[in-house]
PDB file of N, CA and C in Angstrom:
ATOM      1  N   UNK A   1      15.953  -2.504 -19.287  1.00  0.00           N
ATOM      2  CA  UNK A   1      15.259  -2.228 -18.051  1.00  0.00           C
ATOM      3  C   UNK A   1      15.490  -3.387 -17.085  1.00  0.00           C
ATOM      4  N   UNK A   2      15.560  -3.069 -15.807  1.00  0.00           N
ATOM      5  CA  UNK A   2      15.741  -4.077 -14.773  1.00  0.00           C
ATOM      6  C   UNK A   2      14.501  -4.941 -14.623  1.00  0.00           C
ATOM      7  N   UNK A   3      14.708  -6.132 -14.100  1.00  0.00           N
ATOM      8  CA  UNK A   3      13.598  -7.024 -13.780  1.00  0.00           C
ATOM      9  C   UNK A   3      12.913  -6.510 -12.511  1.00  0.00           C
ATOM     10  N   UNK A   4      11.570  -6.533 -12.464  1.00  0.00           N
ATOM     11  CA  UNK A   4      10.877  -6.079 -11.253  1.00  0.00           C
ATOM     12  C   UNK A   4      11.262  -6.937 -10.055  1.00  0.00           C
ATOM     13  N   UNK A   5      11.587  -6.273  -8.959  1.00  0.00           N
ATOM     14  CA  UNK A   5      11.912  -6.959  -7.705  1.00  0.00           C
ATOM     15  C   UNK A   5      11.105  -6.289  -6.601  1.00  0.00           C
ATOM     16  N   UNK A   6      10.297  -7.088  -5.937  1.00  0.00           N
ATOM     17  CA  UNK A   6       9.407  -6.580  -4.890  1.00  0.00           C
ATOM     18  C   UNK A   6       9.543  -7.474  -3.674  1.00  0.00           C
ATOM     19  N   UNK A   7       9.673  -6.880  -2.502  1.00  0.00           N
ATOM     20  CA  UNK A   7       9.730  -7.635  -1.252  1.00  0.00           C
ATOM     21  C   UNK A   7       8.706  -7.045  -0.300  1.00  0.00           C
ATOM     22  N   UNK A   8       7.949  -7.916   0.356  1.00  0.00           N
ATOM     23  CA  UNK A   8       6.935  -7.505   1.329  1.00  0.00           C
ATOM     24  C   UNK A   8       7.292  -8.161   2.652  1.00  0.00           C
ATOM     25  N   UNK A   9       7.401  -7.342   3.689  1.00  0.00           N
ATOM     26  CA  UNK A   9       7.719  -7.871   5.012  1.00  0.00           C
ATOM     27  C   UNK A   9       7.070  -6.989   6.062  1.00  0.00           C
ATOM     28  N   UNK A  10       6.993  -7.489   7.271  1.00  0.00           N
ATOM     29  CA  UNK A  10       6.383  -6.667   8.302  1.00  0.00           C
ATOM     30  C   UNK A  10       6.274  -7.354   9.638  1.00  0.00           C
ATOM     31  N   UNK A  11       5.603  -6.648  10.515  1.00  0.00           N
ATOM     32  CA  UNK A  11       5.350  -7.121  11.869  1.00  0.00           C
ATOM     33  C   UNK A  11       3.846  -7.061  12.104  1.00  0.00           C
ATOM     34  N   UNK A  12       3.446  -7.221  13.343  1.00  0.00           N
ATOM     35  CA  UNK A  12       2.033  -7.189  13.667  1.00  0.00           C
ATOM     36  C   UNK A  12       1.369  -5.846  13.448  1.00  0.00           C
ATOM     37  N   UNK A  13       2.146  -4.781  13.381  1.00  0.00           N
ATOM     38  CA  UNK A  13       1.555  -3.447  13.269  1.00  0.00           C
ATOM     39  C   UNK A  13       2.009  -2.657  12.054  1.00  0.00           C
ATOM     40  N   UNK A  14       2.885  -3.258  11.232  1.00  0.00           N
ATOM     41  CA  UNK A  14       3.442  -2.482  10.132  1.00  0.00           C
ATOM     42  C   UNK A  14       3.856  -3.405   8.990  1.00  0.00           C
ATOM     43  N   UNK A  15       3.521  -3.010   7.777  1.00  0.00           N
ATOM     44  CA  UNK A  15       3.910  -3.757   6.575  1.00  0.00           C
ATOM     45  C   UNK A  15       4.756  -2.837   5.703  1.00  0.00           C
ATOM     46  N   UNK A  16       5.826  -3.376   5.154  1.00  0.00           N
ATOM     47  CA  UNK A  16       6.673  -2.628   4.228  1.00  0.00           C
ATOM     48  C   UNK A  16       6.651  -3.316   2.872  1.00  0.00           C
ATOM     49  N   UNK A  17       6.456  -2.523   1.828  1.00  0.00           N
ATOM     50  CA  UNK A  17       6.572  -2.988   0.454  1.00  0.00           C
ATOM     51  C   UNK A  17       7.780  -2.256  -0.116  1.00  0.00           C
ATOM     52  N   UNK A  18       8.849  -2.999  -0.379  1.00  0.00           N
ATOM     53  CA  UNK A  18      10.079  -2.414  -0.918  1.00  0.00           C
ATOM     54  C   UNK A  18      10.267  -2.940  -2.337  1.00  0.00           C
ATOM     55  N   UNK A  19      10.688  -2.067  -3.250  1.00  0.00           N
ATOM     56  CA  UNK A  19      10.842  -2.490  -4.642  1.00  0.00           C
ATOM     57  C   UNK A  19      11.856  -1.619  -5.357  1.00  0.00           C
ATOM     58  N   UNK A  20      12.449  -2.205  -6.400  1.00  0.00           N
ATOM     59  CA  UNK A  20      13.280  -1.388  -7.273  1.00  0.00           C
ATOM     60  C   UNK A  20      12.336  -0.605  -8.197  1.00  0.00           C
ATOM     61  N   UNK A  21      12.888   0.237  -9.062  1.00  0.00           N
ATOM     62  CA  UNK A  21      12.047   1.089  -9.916  1.00  0.00           C
ATOM     63  C   UNK A  21      11.117   0.254 -10.790  1.00  0.00           C
ATOM     64  N   UNK A  22      11.619  -0.835 -11.363  1.00  0.00           N
ATOM     65  CA  UNK A  22      10.774  -1.686 -12.206  1.00  0.00           C
ATOM     66  C   UNK A  22       9.675  -2.345 -11.379  1.00  0.00           C
ATOM     67  N   UNK A  23       9.985  -2.714 -10.142  1.00  0.00           N
ATOM     68  CA  UNK A  23       8.983  -3.302  -9.264  1.00  0.00           C
ATOM     69  C   UNK A  23       7.898  -2.307  -8.890  1.00  0.00           C
ATOM     70  N   UNK A  24       8.284  -1.058  -8.651  1.00  0.00           N
ATOM     71  CA  UNK A  24       7.295  -0.018  -8.345  1.00  0.00           C
ATOM     72  C   UNK A  24       6.368   0.213  -9.534  1.00  0.00           C
ATOM     73  N   UNK A  25       6.932   0.219 -10.748  1.00  0.00           N
ATOM     74  CA  UNK A  25       6.099   0.358 -11.949  1.00  0.00           C
ATOM     75  C   UNK A  25       5.146  -0.820 -12.092  1.00  0.00           C
ATOM     76  N   UNK A  26       5.634  -2.024 -11.806  1.00  0.00           N
ATOM     77  CA  UNK A  26       4.795  -3.224 -11.877  1.00  0.00           C
ATOM     78  C   UNK A  26       3.625  -3.121 -10.895  1.00  0.00           C
ATOM     79  N   UNK A  27       3.898  -2.723  -9.660  1.00  0.00           N
ATOM     80  CA  UNK A  27       2.820  -2.550  -8.676  1.00  0.00           C
ATOM     81  C   UNK A  27       1.834  -1.473  -9.117  1.00  0.00           C
ATOM     82  N   UNK A  28       2.347  -0.364  -9.642  1.00  0.00           N
ATOM     83  CA  UNK A  28       1.478   0.720 -10.101  1.00  0.00           C
ATOM     84  C   UNK A  28       0.562   0.235 -11.223  1.00  0.00           C
ATOM     85  N   UNK A  29       1.105  -0.532 -12.162  1.00  0.00           N
ATOM     86  CA  UNK A  29       0.297  -1.060 -13.263  1.00  0.00           C
ATOM     87  C   UNK A  29      -0.778  -2.015 -12.752  1.00  0.00           C
ATOM     88  N   UNK A  30      -0.447  -2.832 -11.763  1.00  0.00           N
ATOM     89  CA  UNK A  30      -1.434  -3.743 -11.173  1.00  0.00           C
ATOM     90  C   UNK A  30      -2.563  -2.949 -10.500  1.00  0.00           C
ATOM     91  N   UNK A  31      -2.206  -1.898  -9.787  1.00  0.00           N
ATOM     92  CA  UNK A  31      -3.220  -1.086  -9.103  1.00  0.00           C
ATOM     93  C   UNK A  31      -4.104  -0.351 -10.109  1.00  0.00           C
ATOM     94  N   UNK A  32      -3.504   0.189 -11.149  1.00  0.00           N
ATOM     95  CA  UNK A  32      -4.295   0.856 -12.187  1.00  0.00           C
ATOM     96  C   UNK A  32      -5.240  -0.147 -12.840  1.00  0.00           C
ATOM     97  N   UNK A  33      -4.766  -1.348 -13.097  1.00  0.00           N
ATOM     98  CA  UNK A  33      -5.624  -2.387 -13.686  1.00  0.00           C
ATOM     99  C   UNK A  33      -6.822  -2.695 -12.793  1.00  0.00           C
ATOM    100  N   UNK A  34      -6.610  -2.709 -11.490  1.00  0.00           N
ATOM    101  CA  UNK A  34      -7.713  -2.980 -10.553  1.00  0.00           C
ATOM    102  C   UNK A  34      -8.772  -1.879 -10.582  1.00  0.00           C
ATOM    103  N   UNK A  35      -8.418  -0.697 -11.050  1.00  0.00           N
ATOM    104  CA  UNK A  35      -9.385   0.406 -11.092  1.00  0.00           C
ATOM    105  C   UNK A  35     -10.224   0.401 -12.371  1.00  0.00           C
ATOM    106  N   UNK A  36      -9.978  -0.535 -13.276  1.00  0.00           N
ATOM    107  CA  UNK A  36     -10.722  -0.618 -14.538  1.00  0.00           C
ATOM    108  C   UNK A  36     -12.216  -0.754 -14.259  1.00  0.00           C
ATOM    109  N   UNK A  37     -13.048   0.102 -14.849  1.00  0.00           N
ATOM    110  CA  UNK A  37     -14.492   0.055 -14.592  1.00  0.00           C
ATOM    111  C   UNK A  37     -15.141  -1.264 -15.005  1.00  0.00           C
ATOM    112  N   UNK A  38     -14.484  -2.035 -15.865  1.00  0.00           N
ATOM    113  CA  UNK A  38     -15.037  -3.322 -16.303  1.00  0.00           C
ATOM    114  C   UNK A  38     -14.916  -4.400 -15.222  1.00  0.00           C
ATOM    115  N   UNK A  39     -14.026  -4.198 -14.248  1.00  0.00           N
ATOM    116  CA  UNK A  39     -13.835  -5.204 -13.202  1.00  0.00           C
ATOM    117  C   UNK A  39     -14.903  -5.069 -12.129  1.00  0.00           C
ATOM    118  N   UNK A  40     -15.286  -6.190 -11.569  1.00  0.00           N
ATOM    119  CA  UNK A  40     -16.302  -6.186 -10.527  1.00  0.00           C
ATOM    120  C   UNK A  40     -15.668  -6.064  -9.140  1.00  0.00           C
ATOM    121  N   UNK A  41     -16.503  -5.677  -8.200  1.00  0.00           N
ATOM    122  CA  UNK A  41     -16.103  -5.613  -6.802  1.00  0.00           C
ATOM    123  C   UNK A  41     -15.595  -6.993  -6.371  1.00  0.00           C
ATOM    124  N   UNK A  42     -14.549  -7.012  -5.596  1.00  0.00           N
ATOM    125  CA  UNK A  42     -14.003  -8.265  -5.105  1.00  0.00           C
ATOM    126  C   UNK A  42     -12.897  -8.848  -5.962  1.00  0.00           C
ATOM    127  N   UNK A  43     -12.685  -8.273  -7.164  1.00  0.00           N
ATOM    128  CA  UNK A  43     -11.595  -8.767  -8.006  1.00  0.00           C
ATOM    129  C   UNK A  43     -10.285  -8.548  -7.260  1.00  0.00           C
ATOM    130  N   UNK A  44      -9.388  -9.508  -7.327  1.00  0.00           N
ATOM    131  CA  UNK A  44      -8.135  -9.389  -6.588  1.00  0.00           C
ATOM    132  C   UNK A  44      -7.011 -10.136  -7.286  1.00  0.00           C
ATOM    133  N   UNK A  45      -5.799  -9.824  -6.868  1.00  0.00           N
ATOM    134  CA  UNK A  45      -4.591 -10.489  -7.352  1.00  0.00           C
ATOM    135  C   UNK A  45      -3.771 -10.933  -6.155  1.00  0.00           C
ATOM    136  N   UNK A  46      -3.231 -12.142  -6.245  1.00  0.00           N
ATOM    137  CA  UNK A  46      -2.330 -12.657  -5.208  1.00  0.00           C
ATOM    138  C   UNK A  46      -0.899 -12.525  -5.689  1.00  0.00           C
ATOM    139  N   UNK A  47      -0.047 -11.965  -4.860  1.00  0.00           N
ATOM    140  CA  UNK A  47       1.385 -11.923  -5.130  1.00  0.00           C
ATOM    141  C   UNK A  47       2.038 -12.803  -4.075  1.00  0.00           C
ATOM    142  N   UNK A  48       2.874 -13.732  -4.524  1.00  0.00           N
ATOM    143  CA  UNK A  48       3.429 -14.761  -3.641  1.00  0.00           C
ATOM    144  C   UNK A  48       4.952 -14.765  -3.660  1.00  0.00           C
ATOM    145  N   UNK A  49       5.522 -15.133  -2.525  1.00  0.00           N
ATOM    146  CA  UNK A  49       6.965 -15.270  -2.382  1.00  0.00           C
ATOM    147  C   UNK A  49       7.507 -16.271  -3.389  1.00  0.00           C
ATOM    148  N   UNK A  50       8.582 -15.887  -4.065  1.00  0.00           N
ATOM    149  CA  UNK A  50       9.223 -16.772  -5.020  1.00  0.00           C
ATOM    150  C   UNK A  50       8.556 -16.818  -6.379  1.00  0.00           C
ATOM    151  N   UNK A  51       7.376 -16.214  -6.513  1.00  0.00           N
ATOM    152  CA  UNK A  51       6.690 -16.187  -7.808  1.00  0.00           C
ATOM    153  C   UNK A  51       6.763 -14.770  -8.361  1.00  0.00           C
ATOM    154  N   UNK A  52       5.998 -13.834  -7.774  1.00  0.00           N
ATOM    155  CA  UNK A  52       6.102 -12.435  -8.218  1.00  0.00           C
ATOM    156  C   UNK A  52       6.635 -11.529  -7.121  1.00  0.00           C
ATOM    157  N   UNK A  53       7.024 -12.132  -5.992  1.00  0.00           N
ATOM    158  CA  UNK A  53       7.696 -11.396  -4.915  1.00  0.00           C
ATOM    159  C   UNK A  53       9.027 -12.088  -4.625  1.00  0.00           C
ATOM    160  N   UNK A  54       9.939 -11.344  -4.059  1.00  0.00           N
ATOM    161  CA  UNK A  54      11.236 -11.904  -3.691  1.00  0.00           C
ATOM    162  C   UNK A  54      11.059 -13.020  -2.661  1.00  0.00           C
ATOM    163  N   UNK A  55      11.953 -13.997  -2.702  1.00  0.00           N
ATOM    164  CA  UNK A  55      11.940 -15.064  -1.699  1.00  0.00           C
ATOM    165  C   UNK A  55      11.974 -14.457  -0.303  1.00  0.00           C
ATOM    166  N   UNK A  56      11.227 -15.047   0.605  1.00  0.00           N
ATOM    167  CA  UNK A  56      11.177 -14.556   1.982  1.00  0.00           C
ATOM    168  C   UNK A  56      10.107 -13.512   2.221  1.00  0.00           C
ATOM    169  N   UNK A  57       9.429 -13.076   1.170  1.00  0.00           N
ATOM    170  CA  UNK A  57       8.348 -12.098   1.324  1.00  0.00           C
ATOM    171  C   UNK A  57       7.123 -12.769   1.930  1.00  0.00           C
ATOM    172  N   UNK A  58       6.288 -11.959   2.587  1.00  0.00           N
ATOM    173  CA  UNK A  58       4.973 -12.451   2.978  1.00  0.00           C
ATOM    174  C   UNK A  58       4.035 -12.195   1.803  1.00  0.00           C
ATOM    175  N   UNK A  59       2.992 -13.005   1.691  1.00  0.00           N
ATOM    176  CA  UNK A  59       2.045 -12.861   0.580  1.00  0.00           C
ATOM    177  C   UNK A  59       1.349 -11.506   0.636  1.00  0.00           C
ATOM    178  N   UNK A  60       0.970 -11.020  -0.543  1.00  0.00           N
ATOM    179  CA  UNK A  60       0.274  -9.743  -0.661  1.00  0.00           C
ATOM    180  C   UNK A  60      -0.931  -9.943  -1.570  1.00  0.00           C
ATOM    181  N   UNK A  61      -2.084  -9.464  -1.135  1.00  0.00           N
ATOM    182  CA  UNK A  61      -3.289  -9.515  -1.950  1.00  0.00           C
ATOM    183  C   UNK A  61      -3.701  -8.076  -2.249  1.00  0.00           C
ATOM    184  N   UNK A  62      -3.884  -7.769  -3.524  1.00  0.00           N
ATOM    185  CA  UNK A  62      -4.394  -6.474  -3.962  1.00  0.00           C
ATOM    186  C   UNK A  62      -5.854  -6.711  -4.337  1.00  0.00           C
ATOM    187  N   UNK A  63      -6.775  -6.014  -3.701  1.00  0.00           N
ATOM    188  CA  UNK A  63      -8.192  -6.288  -3.906  1.00  0.00           C
ATOM    189  C   UNK A  63      -8.988  -5.027  -4.157  1.00  0.00           C
ATOM    190  N   UNK A  64      -9.921  -5.126  -5.083  1.00  0.00           N
ATOM    191  CA  UNK A  64     -10.864  -4.040  -5.344  1.00  0.00           C
ATOM    192  C   UNK A  64     -12.048  -4.206  -4.393  1.00  0.00           C
ATOM    193  N   UNK A  65     -12.337  -3.164  -3.619  1.00  0.00           N
ATOM    194  CA  UNK A  65     -13.428  -3.202  -2.640  1.00  0.00           C
ATOM    195  C   UNK A  65     -14.211  -1.905  -2.734  1.00  0.00           C
ATOM    196  N   UNK A  66     -15.356  -1.952  -3.378  1.00  0.00           N
ATOM    197  CA  UNK A  66     -16.181  -0.759  -3.578  1.00  0.00           C
ATOM    198  C   UNK A  66     -16.916  -0.331  -2.310  1.00  0.00           C
ATOM    199  N   UNK A  67     -16.822  -1.108  -1.231  1.00  0.00           N
ATOM    200  CA  UNK A  67     -17.468  -0.737   0.033  1.00  0.00           C
ATOM    201  C   UNK A  67     -16.580   0.160   0.905  1.00  0.00           C
ATOM    202  N   UNK A  68     -15.383   0.422   0.461  1.00  0.00           N
ATOM    203  CA  UNK A  68     -14.481   1.281   1.247  1.00  0.00           C
ATOM    204  C   UNK A  68     -14.672   2.728   0.863  1.00  0.00           C
TER     205      UNK A  68
END
């Protein structure tokens, strides 16, 4: 299987999350994990350029918000 590759970029009005198939699966697994009933409101994950995102990406925060 390929290594997950995710890139996040955008402008003032639009954000794009681009990924290969493994990267899309990785994002899906992170989102499913955030829906776990054991997690509290406000739980979040930071994805950062050069760490879990491709170099040059803008940071991405996935957050559970029960007020939405």
